Amino acid sequence: MDLLGFGDLLLSGTWVTVKLALTSLVFGLILGLIGATAKLSRFWPARALATLYTTLVRGIPELLLVLTIYFGGSMILMAIAEQFGYTDYIEISAFAAGVAALSIAFGAYSTEVFRGAIQAIPKGQWESAQALGMTPLKTFFRIILPQVWRLALPGLGNLFQVLLKDTALVSVVGLNDLMRQAYVATGSTNQPFTFYMAAALIYLGLTVLSTAMTAWLERRANPAERRAAA
């Protein structure tokens, strides 16, 4: 496939896409774990807030979420800055807006994955840890979380593949990701099929890599499979 000298441009866009996806994954996992913990909390306001969060975010298209954070965030920052006498325009970076939007969306969906994984662990393990004198926090991180990770991995892997493709939505606010660079190359050469097909193949390659990584992590998290492989 002849990329007419735009190969480096697509590679730079691919790197931005990967950085956006991985950064959003980290923050999204944190939000998901917090959301799942809140949903299972005995404190009803925490459950209500977590339910409101997941319901609202899962009901809003990711593109609308990106646009709302990118433009709405600038308006909020400008309104705050005006209180201190600053009147110039404040613009949120496209990367920061993309990370915020995708992290919030990923967190809402991963909340349910984590919640299901936590509920699948027998309550007797909590009781046994308590009988041994372990604090609830220590029990969660030493006993529960490793098992939650193993149970949640398949669902989180699927969500990451969706996240990886959703990064293309951030190109609408000017982020120079893979989709944006393919668009630029198309405008310069008037060959949309070539560059959009190249972008599709790169996205497919990234998806294959993420699938392989998820499968490797699942094997690492499952002692039985590790012994069978050995």
C-alpha atoms as a PDB file:
ATOM      1  CA  MET A   1       0.000   0.000   0.000  1.00  0.00           C
ATOM      2  CA  ASP A   2       1.556   3.292  -1.162  1.00  0.00           C
ATOM      3  CA  LEU A   3       1.059   5.929   1.548  1.00  0.00           C
ATOM      4  CA  LEU A   4       2.645   8.680  -0.576  1.00  0.00           C
ATOM      5  CA  GLY A   5       5.012   9.780   2.167  1.00  0.00           C
ATOM      6  CA  PHE A   6       2.323  10.029   4.851  1.00  0.00           C
ATOM      7  CA  GLY A   7       3.370   6.874   6.703  1.00  0.00           C
ATOM      8  CA  ASP A   8       5.158   8.812   9.442  1.00  0.00           C
ATOM      9  CA  LEU A   9       2.065  10.952   9.909  1.00  0.00           C
ATOM     10  CA  LEU A  10      -0.082   7.870  10.470  1.00  0.00           C
ATOM     11  CA  LEU A  11       2.486   6.417  12.866  1.00  0.00           C
ATOM     12  CA  SER A  12       2.508   9.595  14.938  1.00  0.00           C
ATOM     13  CA  GLY A  13      -1.291   9.476  15.045  1.00  0.00           C
ATOM     14  CA  THR A  14      -1.151   5.823  16.105  1.00  0.00           C
ATOM     15  CA  TRP A  15       1.126   6.708  19.032  1.00  0.00           C
ATOM     16  CA  VAL A  16      -1.298   9.430  20.154  1.00  0.00           C
ATOM     17  CA  THR A  17      -4.174   6.933  19.918  1.00  0.00           C
ATOM     18  CA  VAL A  18      -2.299   4.378  22.035  1.00  0.00           C
ATOM     19  CA  LYS A  19      -1.391   6.992  24.665  1.00  0.00           C
ATOM     20  CA  LEU A  20      -4.985   8.198  24.808  1.00  0.00           C
ATOM     21  CA  ALA A  21      -6.345   4.658  25.184  1.00  0.00           C
ATOM     22  CA  LEU A  22      -3.878   3.594  27.888  1.00  0.00           C
ATOM     23  CA  THR A  23      -4.236   6.804  29.899  1.00  0.00           C
ATOM     24  CA  SER A  24      -8.021   6.551  29.758  1.00  0.00           C
ATOM     25  CA  LEU A  25      -7.793   2.880  30.761  1.00  0.00           C
ATOM     26  CA  VAL A  26      -5.856   3.690  33.940  1.00  0.00           C
ATOM     27  CA  PHE A  27      -8.270   6.393  35.098  1.00  0.00           C
ATOM     28  CA  GLY A  28     -11.276   4.378  33.942  1.00  0.00           C
ATOM     29  CA  LEU A  29     -10.212   1.359  36.013  1.00  0.00           C
ATOM     30  CA  ILE A  30      -9.880   3.565  39.088  1.00  0.00           C
ATOM     31  CA  LEU A  31     -13.328   5.056  38.508  1.00  0.00           C
ATOM     32  CA  GLY A  32     -14.807   1.608  37.899  1.00  0.00           C
ATOM     33  CA  LEU A  33     -13.378   0.168  41.081  1.00  0.00           C
ATOM     34  CA  ILE A  34     -14.586   3.155  43.104  1.00  0.00           C
ATOM     35  CA  GLY A  35     -18.016   2.940  41.465  1.00  0.00           C
ATOM     36  CA  ALA A  36     -18.349  -0.791  42.162  1.00  0.00           C
ATOM     37  CA  THR A  37     -17.312  -0.320  45.784  1.00  0.00           C
ATOM     38  CA  ALA A  38     -19.847   2.478  46.145  1.00  0.00           C
ATOM     39  CA  LYS A  39     -22.633   0.380  44.603  1.00  0.00           C
ATOM     40  CA  LEU A  40     -21.981  -2.395  47.101  1.00  0.00           C
ATOM     41  CA  SER A  41     -21.629  -0.008  50.029  1.00  0.00           C
ATOM     42  CA  ARG A  42     -23.980  -0.102  53.011  1.00  0.00           C
ATOM     43  CA  PHE A  43     -24.034   3.707  52.829  1.00  0.00           C
ATOM     44  CA  TRP A  44     -27.099   4.492  50.710  1.00  0.00           C
ATOM     45  CA  PRO A  45     -25.933   7.936  49.437  1.00  0.00           C
ATOM     46  CA  ALA A  46     -22.846   6.227  47.974  1.00  0.00           C
ATOM     47  CA  ARG A  47     -25.042   3.632  46.259  1.00  0.00           C
ATOM     48  CA  ALA A  48     -27.325   6.356  44.920  1.00  0.00           C
ATOM     49  CA  LEU A  49     -24.435   8.420  43.530  1.00  0.00           C
ATOM     50  CA  ALA A  50     -22.850   5.381  41.883  1.00  0.00           C
ATOM     51  CA  THR A  51     -26.160   4.355  40.319  1.00  0.00           C
ATOM     52  CA  LEU A  52     -26.737   7.900  39.057  1.00  0.00           C
ATOM     53  CA  TYR A  53     -23.232   7.974  37.580  1.00  0.00           C
ATOM     54  CA  THR A  54     -23.557   4.706  35.677  1.00  0.00           C
ATOM     55  CA  THR A  55     -27.097   5.443  34.495  1.00  0.00           C
ATOM     56  CA  LEU A  56     -26.286   8.913  33.173  1.00  0.00           C
ATOM     57  CA  VAL A  57     -22.995   8.055  31.506  1.00  0.00           C
ATOM     58  CA  ARG A  58     -24.223   4.865  29.862  1.00  0.00           C
ATOM     59  CA  GLY A  59     -27.203   6.787  28.510  1.00  0.00           C
ATOM     60  CA  ILE A  60     -25.102   9.492  26.815  1.00  0.00           C
ATOM     61  CA  PRO A  61     -23.250   8.847  23.522  1.00  0.00           C
ATOM     62  CA  GLU A  62     -19.464   9.036  23.941  1.00  0.00           C
ATOM     63  CA  LEU A  63     -19.199  11.659  21.196  1.00  0.00           C
ATOM     64  CA  LEU A  64     -21.586  13.942  23.068  1.00  0.00           C
ATOM     65  CA  LEU A  65     -19.561  13.367  26.224  1.00  0.00           C
ATOM     66  CA  VAL A  66     -16.355  14.424  24.438  1.00  0.00           C
ATOM     67  CA  LEU A  67     -17.953  17.585  23.059  1.00  0.00           C
ATOM     68  CA  THR A  68     -19.569  18.474  26.384  1.00  0.00           C
ATOM     69  CA  ILE A  69     -16.310  18.180  28.312  1.00  0.00           C
ATOM     70  CA  TYR A  70     -14.228  19.948  25.658  1.00  0.00           C
ATOM     71  CA  PHE A  71     -16.489  22.981  25.222  1.00  0.00           C
ATOM     72  CA  GLY A  72     -18.284  22.937  28.563  1.00  0.00           C
ATOM     73  CA  GLY A  73     -15.029  22.562  30.470  1.00  0.00           C
ATOM     74  CA  SER A  74     -13.643  25.709  28.866  1.00  0.00           C
ATOM     75  CA  MET A  75     -16.780  27.642  29.800  1.00  0.00           C
ATOM     76  CA  ILE A  76     -16.584  26.483  33.427  1.00  0.00           C
ATOM     77  CA  LEU A  77     -12.893  27.366  33.715  1.00  0.00           C
ATOM     78  CA  MET A  78     -13.488  30.787  32.173  1.00  0.00           C
ATOM     79  CA  ALA A  79     -16.368  31.464  34.573  1.00  0.00           C
ATOM     80  CA  ILE A  80     -14.124  30.594  37.526  1.00  0.00           C
ATOM     81  CA  ALA A  81     -11.213  32.639  36.166  1.00  0.00           C
ATOM     82  CA  GLU A  82     -13.456  35.681  35.710  1.00  0.00           C
ATOM     83  CA  GLN A  83     -14.060  35.697  39.459  1.00  0.00           C
ATOM     84  CA  PHE A  84     -10.344  36.410  39.846  1.00  0.00           C
ATOM     85  CA  GLY A  85     -10.224  39.055  37.111  1.00  0.00           C
ATOM     86  CA  TYR A  86      -8.907  36.851  34.299  1.00  0.00           C
ATOM     87  CA  THR A  87     -10.879  37.447  31.087  1.00  0.00           C
ATOM     88  CA  ASP A  88      -8.856  35.724  28.359  1.00  0.00           C
ATOM     89  CA  TYR A  89     -10.136  32.600  26.641  1.00  0.00           C
ATOM     90  CA  ILE A  90      -9.157  29.312  28.304  1.00  0.00           C
ATOM     91  CA  GLU A  91      -9.032  26.244  26.109  1.00  0.00           C
ATOM     92  CA  ILE A  92      -8.879  22.674  27.377  1.00  0.00           C
ATOM     93  CA  SER A  93      -6.463  20.520  25.420  1.00  0.00           C
ATOM     94  CA  ALA A  94      -8.071  17.955  23.153  1.00  0.00           C
ATOM     95  CA  PHE A  95      -6.029  15.183  24.784  1.00  0.00           C
ATOM     96  CA  ALA A  96      -7.168  16.121  28.303  1.00  0.00           C
ATOM     97  CA  ALA A  97     -10.804  16.336  27.194  1.00  0.00           C
ATOM     98  CA  GLY A  98     -10.505  12.973  25.471  1.00  0.00           C
ATOM     99  CA  VAL A  99      -8.965  11.321  28.513  1.00  0.00           C
ATOM    100  CA  ALA A 100     -11.662  12.762  30.773  1.00  0.00           C
ATOM    101  CA  ALA A 101     -14.541  11.695  28.507  1.00  0.00           C
ATOM    102  CA  LEU A 102     -13.243   8.204  27.745  1.00  0.00           C
ATOM    103  CA  SER A 103     -12.232   7.575  31.362  1.00  0.00           C
ATOM    104  CA  ILE A 104     -15.688   8.541  32.594  1.00  0.00           C
ATOM    105  CA  ALA A 105     -17.352   6.318  29.992  1.00  0.00           C
ATOM    106  CA  PHE A 106     -15.030   3.370  30.624  1.00  0.00           C
ATOM    107  CA  GLY A 107     -15.462   3.790  34.379  1.00  0.00           C
ATOM    108  CA  ALA A 108     -19.245   3.596  34.117  1.00  0.00           C
ATOM    109  CA  TYR A 109     -19.168   0.318  32.201  1.00  0.00           C
ATOM    110  CA  SER A 110     -16.327  -1.216  34.217  1.00  0.00           C
ATOM    111  CA  THR A 111     -18.248  -0.429  37.411  1.00  0.00           C
ATOM    112  CA  GLU A 112     -20.720  -3.170  36.516  1.00  0.00           C
ATOM    113  CA  VAL A 113     -17.919  -5.578  35.569  1.00  0.00           C
ATOM    114  CA  PHE A 114     -16.183  -5.045  38.909  1.00  0.00           C
ATOM    115  CA  ARG A 115     -19.464  -5.237  40.810  1.00  0.00           C
ATOM    116  CA  GLY A 116     -20.282  -8.607  39.298  1.00  0.00           C
ATOM    117  CA  ALA A 117     -16.774  -9.900  40.018  1.00  0.00           C
ATOM    118  CA  ILE A 118     -16.907  -8.781  43.666  1.00  0.00           C
ATOM    119  CA  GLN A 119     -20.328 -10.354  44.180  1.00  0.00           C
ATOM    120  CA  ALA A 120     -19.066 -13.641  42.694  1.00  0.00           C
ATOM    121  CA  ILE A 121     -16.579 -14.058  45.558  1.00  0.00           C
ATOM    122  CA  PRO A 122     -18.032 -16.088  48.466  1.00  0.00           C
ATOM    123  CA  LYS A 123     -18.868 -14.016  51.529  1.00  0.00           C
ATOM    124  CA  GLY A 124     -17.141 -16.625  53.642  1.00  0.00           C
ATOM    125  CA  GLN A 125     -13.787 -15.246  52.522  1.00  0.00           C
ATOM    126  CA  TRP A 126     -14.609 -11.889  54.085  1.00  0.00           C
ATOM    127  CA  GLU A 127     -15.694 -13.621  57.273  1.00  0.00           C
ATOM    128  CA  SER A 128     -12.574 -15.802  57.409  1.00  0.00           C
ATOM    129  CA  ALA A 129     -10.297 -12.783  56.967  1.00  0.00           C
ATOM    130  CA  GLN A 130     -12.178 -10.952  59.702  1.00  0.00           C
ATOM    131  CA  ALA A 131     -11.771 -13.950  62.007  1.00  0.00           C
ATOM    132  CA  LEU A 132      -8.015 -13.786  61.400  1.00  0.00           C
ATOM    133  CA  GLY A 133      -8.008 -10.177  62.547  1.00  0.00           C
ATOM    134  CA  MET A 134      -7.563  -8.547  59.125  1.00  0.00           C
ATOM    135  CA  THR A 135      -9.064  -5.106  58.632  1.00  0.00           C
ATOM    136  CA  PRO A 136     -11.687  -4.650  55.876  1.00  0.00           C
ATOM    137  CA  LEU A 137      -9.209  -2.584  53.826  1.00  0.00           C
ATOM    138  CA  LYS A 138      -6.457  -5.175  54.140  1.00  0.00           C
ATOM    139  CA  THR A 139      -8.919  -7.950  53.341  1.00  0.00           C
ATOM    140  CA  PHE A 140      -9.996  -6.167  50.179  1.00  0.00           C
ATOM    141  CA  PHE A 141      -6.492  -5.571  48.827  1.00  0.00           C
ATOM    142  CA  ARG A 142      -4.900  -8.841  49.977  1.00  0.00           C
ATOM    143  CA  ILE A 143      -7.743 -11.348  49.531  1.00  0.00           C
ATOM    144  CA  ILE A 144     -10.568  -9.939  47.410  1.00  0.00           C
ATOM    145  CA  LEU A 145      -8.912  -7.713  44.800  1.00  0.00           C
ATOM    146  CA  PRO A 146      -6.619 -10.395  43.288  1.00  0.00           C
ATOM    147  CA  GLN A 147      -9.659 -12.609  42.732  1.00  0.00           C
ATOM    148  CA  VAL A 148     -11.727  -9.703  41.394  1.00  0.00           C
ATOM    149  CA  TRP A 149      -8.977  -8.991  38.871  1.00  0.00           C
ATOM    150  CA  ARG A 150      -9.066 -12.585  37.601  1.00  0.00           C
ATOM    151  CA  LEU A 151     -12.857 -12.655  37.303  1.00  0.00           C
ATOM    152  CA  ALA A 152     -13.134  -9.211  35.725  1.00  0.00           C
ATOM    153  CA  LEU A 153     -10.367  -9.571  33.128  1.00  0.00           C
ATOM    154  CA  PRO A 154     -12.490 -10.983  30.252  1.00  0.00           C
ATOM    155  CA  GLY A 155     -15.076  -8.213  30.596  1.00  0.00           C
ATOM    156  CA  LEU A 156     -12.433  -5.511  30.987  1.00  0.00           C
ATOM    157  CA  GLY A 157     -10.632  -6.806  27.910  1.00  0.00           C
ATOM    158  CA  ASN A 158     -13.781  -6.397  25.838  1.00  0.00           C
ATOM    159  CA  LEU A 159     -14.328  -2.903  27.228  1.00  0.00           C
ATOM    160  CA  PHE A 160     -10.764  -1.909  26.346  1.00  0.00           C
ATOM    161  CA  GLN A 161     -11.293  -2.912  22.730  1.00  0.00           C
ATOM    162  CA  VAL A 162     -14.369  -0.665  22.638  1.00  0.00           C
ATOM    163  CA  LEU A 163     -12.331   2.105  24.275  1.00  0.00           C
ATOM    164  CA  LEU A 164      -9.579   1.709  21.698  1.00  0.00           C
ATOM    165  CA  LYS A 165     -12.021   2.315  18.860  1.00  0.00           C
ATOM    166  CA  ASP A 166     -13.789   5.137  20.708  1.00  0.00           C
ATOM    167  CA  THR A 167     -10.529   7.118  20.705  1.00  0.00           C
ATOM    168  CA  ALA A 168     -11.365   8.015  17.101  1.00  0.00           C
ATOM    169  CA  LEU A 169     -14.196  10.210  18.415  1.00  0.00           C
ATOM    170  CA  VAL A 170     -11.707  12.635  19.980  1.00  0.00           C
ATOM    171  CA  SER A 171     -10.473  13.614  16.508  1.00  0.00           C
ATOM    172  CA  VAL A 172     -13.563  15.839  16.176  1.00  0.00           C
ATOM    173  CA  VAL A 173     -12.087  18.279  18.727  1.00  0.00           C
ATOM    174  CA  GLY A 174      -8.738  18.479  16.932  1.00  0.00           C
ATOM    175  CA  LEU A 175      -6.630  15.767  18.567  1.00  0.00           C
ATOM    176  CA  ASN A 176      -3.991  14.535  16.120  1.00  0.00           C
ATOM    177  CA  ASP A 177      -4.779  10.881  16.608  1.00  0.00           C
ATOM    178  CA  LEU A 178      -4.803   8.167  13.964  1.00  0.00           C
ATOM    179  CA  MET A 179      -8.229   9.109  12.604  1.00  0.00           C
ATOM    180  CA  ARG A 180      -7.341  12.800  12.390  1.00  0.00           C
ATOM    181  CA  GLN A 181      -4.058  12.132  10.615  1.00  0.00           C
ATOM    182  CA  ALA A 182      -5.800   9.833   8.125  1.00  0.00           C
ATOM    183  CA  TYR A 183      -8.233  12.662   7.440  1.00  0.00           C
ATOM    184  CA  VAL A 184      -5.357  15.122   6.905  1.00  0.00           C
ATOM    185  CA  ALA A 185      -3.593  12.735   4.531  1.00  0.00           C
ATOM    186  CA  THR A 186      -6.848  12.191   2.646  1.00  0.00           C
ATOM    187  CA  GLY A 187      -7.329  15.943   2.200  1.00  0.00           C
ATOM    188  CA  SER A 188      -3.795  16.361   0.878  1.00  0.00           C
ATOM    189  CA  THR A 189      -3.876  13.472  -1.593  1.00  0.00           C
ATOM    190  CA  ASN A 190      -7.575  13.084  -2.403  1.00  0.00           C
ATOM    191  CA  GLN A 191      -7.265   9.332  -1.834  1.00  0.00           C
ATOM    192  CA  PRO A 192      -9.708   8.554   0.993  1.00  0.00           C
ATOM    193  CA  PHE A 193      -9.859   4.808   0.396  1.00  0.00           C
ATOM    194  CA  THR A 194      -6.093   4.365   0.755  1.00  0.00           C
ATOM    195  CA  PHE A 195      -5.705   6.223   4.036  1.00  0.00           C
ATOM    196  CA  TYR A 196      -8.936   5.178   5.696  1.00  0.00           C
ATOM    197  CA  MET A 197      -8.133   1.567   4.810  1.00  0.00           C
ATOM    198  CA  ALA A 198      -4.648   2.030   6.289  1.00  0.00           C
ATOM    199  CA  ALA A 199      -6.207   3.446   9.455  1.00  0.00           C
ATOM    200  CA  ALA A 200      -8.639   0.515   9.604  1.00  0.00           C
ATOM    201  CA  LEU A 201      -5.763  -1.974   9.335  1.00  0.00           C
ATOM    202  CA  ILE A 202      -3.859  -0.199  12.108  1.00  0.00           C
ATOM    203  CA  TYR A 203      -6.926  -0.241  14.377  1.00  0.00           C
ATOM    204  CA  LEU A 204      -7.349  -3.933  13.581  1.00  0.00           C
ATOM    205  CA  GLY A 205      -3.706  -4.589  14.455  1.00  0.00           C
ATOM    206  CA  LEU A 206      -4.089  -2.754  17.774  1.00  0.00           C
ATOM    207  CA  THR A 207      -7.206  -4.805  18.531  1.00  0.00           C
ATOM    208  CA  VAL A 208      -5.363  -8.061  17.815  1.00  0.00           C
ATOM    209  CA  LEU A 209      -2.526  -6.988  20.125  1.00  0.00           C
ATOM    210  CA  SER A 210      -4.943  -6.044  22.920  1.00  0.00           C
ATOM    211  CA  THR A 211      -6.728  -9.395  22.532  1.00  0.00           C
ATOM    212  CA  ALA A 212      -3.430 -11.271  22.815  1.00  0.00           C
ATOM    213  CA  MET A 213      -2.418  -9.214  25.850  1.00  0.00           C
ATOM    214  CA  THR A 214      -5.759  -9.882  27.547  1.00  0.00           C
ATOM    215  CA  ALA A 215      -5.405 -13.618  26.920  1.00  0.00           C
ATOM    216  CA  TRP A 216      -1.879 -13.545  28.389  1.00  0.00           C
ATOM    217  CA  LEU A 217      -3.083 -11.667  31.478  1.00  0.00           C
ATOM    218  CA  GLU A 218      -5.915 -14.158  31.949  1.00  0.00           C
ATOM    219  CA  ARG A 219      -3.421 -17.031  31.892  1.00  0.00           C
ATOM    220  CA  ARG A 220      -1.157 -15.215  34.351  1.00  0.00           C
ATOM    221  CA  ALA A 221      -4.070 -14.556  36.692  1.00  0.00           C
ATOM    222  CA  ASN A 222      -5.227 -18.191  36.647  1.00  0.00           C
ATOM    223  CA  PRO A 223      -2.824 -20.515  38.515  1.00  0.00           C
ATOM    224  CA  ALA A 224      -4.496 -23.641  37.103  1.00  0.00           C
ATOM    225  CA  GLU A 225      -3.870 -22.548  33.531  1.00  0.00           C
ATOM    226  CA  ARG A 226      -0.256 -21.673  34.327  1.00  0.00           C
ATOM    227  CA  ARG A 227       0.355 -25.175  35.736  1.00  0.00           C
ATOM    228  CA  ALA A 228      -1.359 -26.782  32.727  1.00  0.00           C
ATOM    229  CA  ALA A 229       0.786 -24.751  30.322  1.00  0.00           C
ATOM    230  CA  ALA A 230       3.935 -25.779  32.199  1.00  0.00           C
END
